[in-house]
Amino acid sequence: MTDRPQSPARHRATVRTLLAEAGTTYAEEADVRLADKPAPLWRLLVLSNLAATRIKASIAVAAARELFAAGGGTPTGLAALTWRQRVDALGRAHYVRYDEGTATRLGDCADLIHRRYADDLRRLARDADERPERVRELLREFPGIGPTGAGMFCREAQAVWPFLRPTLDDRALHGAARLDLPTTARGLAALVAADDLARLAAALVRVDLDRHLADRVTTATPPPE
């Protein structure tokens, strides 16, 4: 994709409106206070795993909340849950059709992170030499984390892992195209502070998933001064 020849002032006005309308990250929506610490990074991995299936993002977020409330907010806590407890937590969030397989995969993820990274995904970042593409490759070794899950993890984790910036994948770029914003990661990154990139990425994904959101942002954006 290439950047469209639109007014930079208009771009910034659109982004301000977008962030005000939809600038909550998916981690925040799942009550994850993201930080460069083992437990929040694990919770983001769980959320990314849940969102990687063909299911509404809102249901994935609700399922993450249920699992965390049940005790699955750490690898040890999730491993301590029985398979049935995991299935029941997913069911309470209406995470159906994928609940049984996901309950198994999450248990396998807890086992893998314990064996390979001592329950700390910061070790994964070190093993990857903080190279974004290698981070994605290592993430995809977790059961259930394919390209979609790895993409979501990196979009959100760039809030606390600066070496991932800017992470604006195809889904975010498609959302940008709907708003006539730049359609390259570099072009979009120039429109916000580095600390807001995760919020921008999440907002653009929401635009990609919801055509009505694009219309609301366009309508609500005032003309640049």
C-alpha atoms as a PDB file:
ATOM      1  CA  MET A   1       0.000   0.000   0.000  1.00  0.00           C
ATOM      2  CA  THR A   2       1.069   3.575  -0.569  1.00  0.00           C
ATOM      3  CA  ASP A   3       0.158   6.726   1.321  1.00  0.00           C
ATOM      4  CA  ARG A   4      -2.638   8.841  -0.122  1.00  0.00           C
ATOM      5  CA  PRO A   5      -1.930  12.509  -0.964  1.00  0.00           C
ATOM      6  CA  GLN A   6      -4.217  13.974   1.714  1.00  0.00           C
ATOM      7  CA  SER A   7      -3.662  16.984   3.972  1.00  0.00           C
ATOM      8  CA  PRO A   8      -1.453  16.172   7.002  1.00  0.00           C
ATOM      9  CA  ALA A   9      -3.661  18.494   9.058  1.00  0.00           C
ATOM     10  CA  ARG A  10      -6.715  16.515   8.001  1.00  0.00           C
ATOM     11  CA  HIS A  11      -4.945  13.272   8.883  1.00  0.00           C
ATOM     12  CA  ARG A  12      -4.175  14.511  12.377  1.00  0.00           C
ATOM     13  CA  ALA A  13      -7.723  15.759  12.891  1.00  0.00           C
ATOM     14  CA  THR A  14      -9.065  12.358  11.848  1.00  0.00           C
ATOM     15  CA  VAL A  15      -6.685  10.535  14.176  1.00  0.00           C
ATOM     16  CA  ARG A  16      -7.639  12.743  17.130  1.00  0.00           C
ATOM     17  CA  THR A  17     -11.309  11.960  16.526  1.00  0.00           C
ATOM     18  CA  LEU A  18     -10.562   8.260  16.055  1.00  0.00           C
ATOM     19  CA  LEU A  19      -8.632   7.992  19.310  1.00  0.00           C
ATOM     20  CA  ALA A  20     -11.365   9.806  21.187  1.00  0.00           C
ATOM     21  CA  GLU A  21     -13.987   7.489  19.691  1.00  0.00           C
ATOM     22  CA  ALA A  22     -12.197   4.122  19.757  1.00  0.00           C
ATOM     23  CA  GLY A  23      -8.742   4.544  21.271  1.00  0.00           C
ATOM     24  CA  THR A  24      -9.081   1.918  23.998  1.00  0.00           C
ATOM     25  CA  THR A  25      -6.676  -0.975  23.509  1.00  0.00           C
ATOM     26  CA  TYR A  26      -8.033  -4.514  23.615  1.00  0.00           C
ATOM     27  CA  ALA A  27      -5.852  -5.189  26.656  1.00  0.00           C
ATOM     28  CA  GLU A  28      -7.477  -2.283  28.488  1.00  0.00           C
ATOM     29  CA  GLU A  29     -10.903  -3.553  27.475  1.00  0.00           C
ATOM     30  CA  ALA A  30     -10.018  -6.930  29.006  1.00  0.00           C
ATOM     31  CA  ASP A  31      -8.938  -5.189  32.248  1.00  0.00           C
ATOM     32  CA  VAL A  32      -5.279  -5.967  31.603  1.00  0.00           C
ATOM     33  CA  ARG A  33      -3.001  -3.245  32.937  1.00  0.00           C
ATOM     34  CA  LEU A  34      -0.281  -3.886  30.449  1.00  0.00           C
ATOM     35  CA  ALA A  35       3.278  -3.551  31.726  1.00  0.00           C
ATOM     36  CA  ASP A  36       6.650  -5.070  30.937  1.00  0.00           C
ATOM     37  CA  LYS A  37       6.092  -7.714  33.608  1.00  0.00           C
ATOM     38  CA  PRO A  38       5.389 -11.470  33.444  1.00  0.00           C
ATOM     39  CA  ALA A  39       1.720 -11.541  34.496  1.00  0.00           C
ATOM     40  CA  PRO A  40       0.381  -8.768  32.220  1.00  0.00           C
ATOM     41  CA  LEU A  41       2.301 -10.146  29.239  1.00  0.00           C
ATOM     42  CA  TRP A  42       0.843 -13.601  29.903  1.00  0.00           C
ATOM     43  CA  ARG A  43      -2.656 -12.126  30.035  1.00  0.00           C
ATOM     44  CA  LEU A  44      -2.046 -10.428  26.709  1.00  0.00           C
ATOM     45  CA  LEU A  45      -0.947 -13.777  25.272  1.00  0.00           C
ATOM     46  CA  VAL A  46      -4.159 -15.387  26.523  1.00  0.00           C
ATOM     47  CA  LEU A  47      -6.257 -12.578  25.050  1.00  0.00           C
ATOM     48  CA  SER A  48      -4.412 -12.837  21.724  1.00  0.00           C
ATOM     49  CA  ASN A  49      -4.998 -16.595  21.699  1.00  0.00           C
ATOM     50  CA  LEU A  50      -8.707 -16.128  22.313  1.00  0.00           C
ATOM     51  CA  ALA A  51      -8.985 -13.450  19.618  1.00  0.00           C
ATOM     52  CA  ALA A  52      -7.128 -15.528  17.032  1.00  0.00           C
ATOM     53  CA  THR A  53     -10.203 -17.664  16.299  1.00  0.00           C
ATOM     54  CA  ARG A  54     -13.137 -16.676  14.088  1.00  0.00           C
ATOM     55  CA  ILE A  55     -15.077 -15.020  16.876  1.00  0.00           C
ATOM     56  CA  LYS A  56     -16.128 -11.488  17.761  1.00  0.00           C
ATOM     57  CA  ALA A  57     -13.481  -9.445  19.529  1.00  0.00           C
ATOM     58  CA  SER A  58     -15.968  -8.536  22.255  1.00  0.00           C
ATOM     59  CA  ILE A  59     -16.512 -12.217  23.050  1.00  0.00           C
ATOM     60  CA  ALA A  60     -12.752 -12.846  23.150  1.00  0.00           C
ATOM     61  CA  VAL A  61     -12.372  -9.950  25.589  1.00  0.00           C
ATOM     62  CA  ALA A  62     -15.199 -11.264  27.767  1.00  0.00           C
ATOM     63  CA  ALA A  63     -13.673 -14.754  27.728  1.00  0.00           C
ATOM     64  CA  ALA A  64     -10.320 -13.376  28.854  1.00  0.00           C
ATOM     65  CA  ARG A  65     -11.986 -11.595  31.754  1.00  0.00           C
ATOM     66  CA  GLU A  66     -13.730 -14.802  32.817  1.00  0.00           C
ATOM     67  CA  LEU A  67     -10.523 -16.822  32.690  1.00  0.00           C
ATOM     68  CA  PHE A  68      -8.628 -14.219  34.698  1.00  0.00           C
ATOM     69  CA  ALA A  69     -11.435 -14.032  37.274  1.00  0.00           C
ATOM     70  CA  ALA A  70     -11.284 -17.820  37.591  1.00  0.00           C
ATOM     71  CA  GLY A  71      -7.581 -17.656  38.413  1.00  0.00           C
ATOM     72  CA  GLY A  72      -5.989 -17.954  34.981  1.00  0.00           C
ATOM     73  CA  GLY A  73      -4.188 -14.611  35.065  1.00  0.00           C
ATOM     74  CA  THR A  74      -0.807 -16.315  35.427  1.00  0.00           C
ATOM     75  CA  PRO A  75       0.570 -19.467  33.765  1.00  0.00           C
ATOM     76  CA  THR A  76       0.591 -21.236  37.123  1.00  0.00           C
ATOM     77  CA  GLY A  77      -2.957 -20.155  37.850  1.00  0.00           C
ATOM     78  CA  LEU A  78      -4.258 -21.281  34.475  1.00  0.00           C
ATOM     79  CA  ALA A  79      -2.443 -24.618  34.752  1.00  0.00           C
ATOM     80  CA  ALA A  80      -4.106 -25.126  38.137  1.00  0.00           C
ATOM     81  CA  LEU A  81      -7.567 -24.823  36.578  1.00  0.00           C
ATOM     82  CA  THR A  82      -9.063 -28.076  35.426  1.00  0.00           C
ATOM     83  CA  TRP A  83      -9.984 -28.450  31.797  1.00  0.00           C
ATOM     84  CA  ARG A  84     -13.654 -28.291  32.789  1.00  0.00           C
ATOM     85  CA  GLN A  85     -13.104 -25.073  34.738  1.00  0.00           C
ATOM     86  CA  ARG A  86     -11.512 -23.499  31.680  1.00  0.00           C
ATOM     87  CA  VAL A  87     -14.376 -24.639  29.451  1.00  0.00           C
ATOM     88  CA  ASP A  88     -16.919 -23.312  31.940  1.00  0.00           C
ATOM     89  CA  ALA A  89     -15.172 -19.918  32.096  1.00  0.00           C
ATOM     90  CA  LEU A  90     -15.204 -19.680  28.319  1.00  0.00           C
ATOM     91  CA  GLY A  91     -18.850 -20.733  28.263  1.00  0.00           C
ATOM     92  CA  ARG A  92     -19.839 -17.950  30.642  1.00  0.00           C
ATOM     93  CA  ALA A  93     -18.518 -15.521  28.020  1.00  0.00           C
ATOM     94  CA  HIS A  94     -20.448 -17.338  25.251  1.00  0.00           C
ATOM     95  CA  TYR A  95     -17.150 -18.397  23.698  1.00  0.00           C
ATOM     96  CA  VAL A  96     -18.821 -21.351  21.992  1.00  0.00           C
ATOM     97  CA  ARG A  97     -17.732 -23.801  19.282  1.00  0.00           C
ATOM     98  CA  TYR A  98     -14.075 -23.207  20.165  1.00  0.00           C
ATOM     99  CA  ASP A  99     -14.307 -23.598  23.931  1.00  0.00           C
ATOM    100  CA  GLU A 100     -13.095 -27.183  24.337  1.00  0.00           C
ATOM    101  CA  GLY A 101     -10.177 -26.940  21.927  1.00  0.00           C
ATOM    102  CA  THR A 102      -9.181 -23.550  23.309  1.00  0.00           C
ATOM    103  CA  ALA A 103      -9.255 -24.864  26.879  1.00  0.00           C
ATOM    104  CA  THR A 104      -6.764 -27.521  25.847  1.00  0.00           C
ATOM    105  CA  ARG A 105      -4.544 -25.121  23.891  1.00  0.00           C
ATOM    106  CA  LEU A 106      -4.363 -22.640  26.737  1.00  0.00           C
ATOM    107  CA  GLY A 107      -3.181 -25.410  29.026  1.00  0.00           C
ATOM    108  CA  ASP A 108      -0.516 -26.280  26.469  1.00  0.00           C
ATOM    109  CA  CYS A 109       0.492 -22.596  26.314  1.00  0.00           C
ATOM    110  CA  ALA A 110       0.886 -22.494  30.090  1.00  0.00           C
ATOM    111  CA  ASP A 111       3.094 -25.572  29.916  1.00  0.00           C
ATOM    112  CA  LEU A 112       5.227 -24.120  27.105  1.00  0.00           C
ATOM    113  CA  ILE A 113       5.791 -20.745  28.734  1.00  0.00           C
ATOM    114  CA  HIS A 114       6.756 -22.482  31.968  1.00  0.00           C
ATOM    115  CA  ARG A 115       9.227 -24.892  30.355  1.00  0.00           C
ATOM    116  CA  ARG A 116      10.820 -22.530  27.854  1.00  0.00           C
ATOM    117  CA  TYR A 117      10.544 -19.075  29.392  1.00  0.00           C
ATOM    118  CA  ALA A 118      10.122 -19.685  33.148  1.00  0.00           C
ATOM    119  CA  ASP A 119       6.671 -18.012  32.947  1.00  0.00           C
ATOM    120  CA  ASP A 120       8.204 -14.771  31.642  1.00  0.00           C
ATOM    121  CA  LEU A 121       7.668 -13.589  28.047  1.00  0.00           C
ATOM    122  CA  ARG A 122      10.415 -11.035  28.477  1.00  0.00           C
ATOM    123  CA  ARG A 123      12.722 -14.004  27.944  1.00  0.00           C
ATOM    124  CA  LEU A 124      11.063 -14.553  24.573  1.00  0.00           C
ATOM    125  CA  ALA A 125      11.914 -10.975  23.631  1.00  0.00           C
ATOM    126  CA  ARG A 126      15.519 -11.543  24.665  1.00  0.00           C
ATOM    127  CA  ASP A 127      15.698 -14.821  22.739  1.00  0.00           C
ATOM    128  CA  ALA A 128      14.434 -12.926  19.690  1.00  0.00           C
ATOM    129  CA  ASP A 129      17.139 -10.262  20.164  1.00  0.00           C
ATOM    130  CA  GLU A 130      14.214  -7.820  20.216  1.00  0.00           C
ATOM    131  CA  ARG A 131      13.707  -8.343  16.482  1.00  0.00           C
ATOM    132  CA  PRO A 132      10.001  -7.913  15.692  1.00  0.00           C
ATOM    133  CA  GLU A 133       9.784 -10.614  13.047  1.00  0.00           C
ATOM    134  CA  ARG A 134      11.566 -13.106  15.281  1.00  0.00           C
ATOM    135  CA  VAL A 135       9.220 -12.207  18.147  1.00  0.00           C
ATOM    136  CA  ARG A 136       6.302 -13.106  15.875  1.00  0.00           C
ATOM    137  CA  GLU A 137       7.949 -16.394  14.915  1.00  0.00           C
ATOM    138  CA  LEU A 138       8.454 -17.397  18.541  1.00  0.00           C
ATOM    139  CA  LEU A 139       4.916 -16.366  19.468  1.00  0.00           C
ATOM    140  CA  ARG A 140       3.543 -18.611  16.727  1.00  0.00           C
ATOM    141  CA  GLU A 141       5.110 -21.589  18.489  1.00  0.00           C
ATOM    142  CA  PHE A 142       2.407 -21.282  21.145  1.00  0.00           C
ATOM    143  CA  PRO A 143      -0.596 -23.494  20.302  1.00  0.00           C
ATOM    144  CA  GLY A 144      -3.408 -21.358  18.879  1.00  0.00           C
ATOM    145  CA  ILE A 145      -1.217 -18.320  18.220  1.00  0.00           C
ATOM    146  CA  GLY A 146      -1.001 -18.088  14.453  1.00  0.00           C
ATOM    147  CA  PRO A 147      -0.277 -14.972  12.409  1.00  0.00           C
ATOM    148  CA  THR A 148      -3.477 -13.309  13.653  1.00  0.00           C
ATOM    149  CA  GLY A 149      -2.712 -13.906  17.309  1.00  0.00           C
ATOM    150  CA  ALA A 150       0.922 -12.893  16.949  1.00  0.00           C
ATOM    151  CA  GLY A 151      -0.140  -9.741  15.125  1.00  0.00           C
ATOM    152  CA  MET A 152      -2.540  -8.775  17.879  1.00  0.00           C
ATOM    153  CA  PHE A 153       0.017  -9.448  20.594  1.00  0.00           C
ATOM    154  CA  CYS A 154       2.581  -7.226  18.885  1.00  0.00           C
ATOM    155  CA  ARG A 155       0.079  -4.431  18.156  1.00  0.00           C
ATOM    156  CA  GLU A 156      -0.772  -4.270  21.834  1.00  0.00           C
ATOM    157  CA  ALA A 157       2.669  -5.065  23.282  1.00  0.00           C
ATOM    158  CA  GLN A 158       4.282  -2.156  21.465  1.00  0.00           C
ATOM    159  CA  ALA A 159       2.875  -0.045  24.307  1.00  0.00           C
ATOM    160  CA  VAL A 160       5.513  -1.577  26.604  1.00  0.00           C
ATOM    161  CA  TRP A 161       8.003  -3.050  24.125  1.00  0.00           C
ATOM    162  CA  PRO A 162       9.252  -0.034  22.128  1.00  0.00           C
ATOM    163  CA  PHE A 163      11.337  -2.241  19.839  1.00  0.00           C
ATOM    164  CA  LEU A 164       8.078  -3.410  18.227  1.00  0.00           C
ATOM    165  CA  ARG A 165       7.168   0.111  17.092  1.00  0.00           C
ATOM    166  CA  PRO A 166       5.577   0.813  14.762  1.00  0.00           C
ATOM    167  CA  THR A 167       3.409  -2.295  14.556  1.00  0.00           C
ATOM    168  CA  LEU A 168       0.484  -1.551  12.247  1.00  0.00           C
ATOM    169  CA  ASP A 169      -0.363  -4.736  10.400  1.00  0.00           C
ATOM    170  CA  ASP A 170      -2.628  -5.388   7.421  1.00  0.00           C
ATOM    171  CA  ARG A 171      -5.806  -5.230   9.484  1.00  0.00           C
ATOM    172  CA  ALA A 172      -4.865  -1.817  10.889  1.00  0.00           C
ATOM    173  CA  LEU A 173      -3.806  -0.597   7.434  1.00  0.00           C
ATOM    174  CA  HIS A 174      -7.138  -1.654   5.972  1.00  0.00           C
ATOM    175  CA  GLY A 175      -8.845   0.402   8.667  1.00  0.00           C
ATOM    176  CA  ALA A 176      -6.621   3.356   7.793  1.00  0.00           C
ATOM    177  CA  ALA A 177      -7.621   3.089   4.138  1.00  0.00           C
ATOM    178  CA  ARG A 178     -11.298   3.411   5.108  1.00  0.00           C
ATOM    179  CA  LEU A 179     -10.499   6.738   6.737  1.00  0.00           C
ATOM    180  CA  ASP A 180      -8.296   7.986   3.895  1.00  0.00           C
ATOM    181  CA  LEU A 181      -5.326   7.968   6.258  1.00  0.00           C
ATOM    182  CA  PRO A 182      -1.788   6.977   5.272  1.00  0.00           C
ATOM    183  CA  THR A 183      -1.614   3.262   4.573  1.00  0.00           C
ATOM    184  CA  THR A 184       1.955   2.575   5.626  1.00  0.00           C
ATOM    185  CA  ALA A 185       3.136   1.978   9.175  1.00  0.00           C
ATOM    186  CA  ARG A 186       5.621   4.825   8.900  1.00  0.00           C
ATOM    187  CA  GLY A 187       3.023   7.258   7.608  1.00  0.00           C
ATOM    188  CA  LEU A 188       0.597   6.432  10.411  1.00  0.00           C
ATOM    189  CA  ALA A 189       3.275   6.507  13.093  1.00  0.00           C
ATOM    190  CA  ALA A 190       4.084  10.083  12.128  1.00  0.00           C
ATOM    191  CA  LEU A 191       0.592  11.163  13.195  1.00  0.00           C
ATOM    192  CA  VAL A 192       0.785  10.211  16.893  1.00  0.00           C
ATOM    193  CA  ALA A 193       3.180  10.115  19.802  1.00  0.00           C
ATOM    194  CA  ALA A 194       5.025   6.809  20.083  1.00  0.00           C
ATOM    195  CA  ASP A 195       3.164   5.963  23.298  1.00  0.00           C
ATOM    196  CA  ASP A 196      -0.146   6.199  21.418  1.00  0.00           C
ATOM    197  CA  LEU A 197       0.732   3.696  18.682  1.00  0.00           C
ATOM    198  CA  ALA A 198      -0.956   0.768  20.425  1.00  0.00           C
ATOM    199  CA  ARG A 199      -4.129   2.830  20.867  1.00  0.00           C
ATOM    200  CA  LEU A 200      -4.045   3.874  17.223  1.00  0.00           C
ATOM    201  CA  ALA A 201      -3.513   0.306  16.050  1.00  0.00           C
ATOM    202  CA  ALA A 202      -6.457  -0.965  18.108  1.00  0.00           C
ATOM    203  CA  ALA A 203      -8.690   1.853  16.881  1.00  0.00           C
ATOM    204  CA  LEU A 204      -7.819   1.157  13.244  1.00  0.00           C
ATOM    205  CA  VAL A 205      -8.567  -2.536  13.685  1.00  0.00           C
ATOM    206  CA  ARG A 206     -11.970  -1.584  15.049  1.00  0.00           C
ATOM    207  CA  VAL A 207     -12.542   0.530  11.940  1.00  0.00           C
ATOM    208  CA  ASP A 208     -11.623  -2.469   9.794  1.00  0.00           C
ATOM    209  CA  LEU A 209     -14.173  -4.575  11.677  1.00  0.00           C
ATOM    210  CA  ASP A 210     -16.935  -1.951  11.805  1.00  0.00           C
ATOM    211  CA  ARG A 211     -17.801   0.108   8.727  1.00  0.00           C
ATOM    212  CA  HIS A 212     -20.166   2.255  10.777  1.00  0.00           C
ATOM    213  CA  LEU A 213     -17.281   3.379  12.980  1.00  0.00           C
ATOM    214  CA  ALA A 214     -15.491   4.780   9.950  1.00  0.00           C
ATOM    215  CA  ASP A 215     -18.603   6.779   9.056  1.00  0.00           C
ATOM    216  CA  ARG A 216     -18.945   8.115  12.613  1.00  0.00           C
ATOM    217  CA  VAL A 217     -15.305   9.214  12.731  1.00  0.00           C
ATOM    218  CA  THR A 218     -15.512  10.865   9.337  1.00  0.00           C
ATOM    219  CA  THR A 219     -18.691  12.707  10.272  1.00  0.00           C
ATOM    220  CA  ALA A 220     -17.371  13.818  13.654  1.00  0.00           C
ATOM    221  CA  THR A 221     -13.987  15.026  12.442  1.00  0.00           C
ATOM    222  CA  PRO A 222     -13.961  18.830  12.289  1.00  0.00           C
ATOM    223  CA  PRO A 223     -12.206  20.500   9.349  1.00  0.00           C
ATOM    224  CA  PRO A 224      -8.577  21.336  10.136  1.00  0.00           C
ATOM    225  CA  GLU A 225      -7.869  24.912  11.100  1.00  0.00           C
END
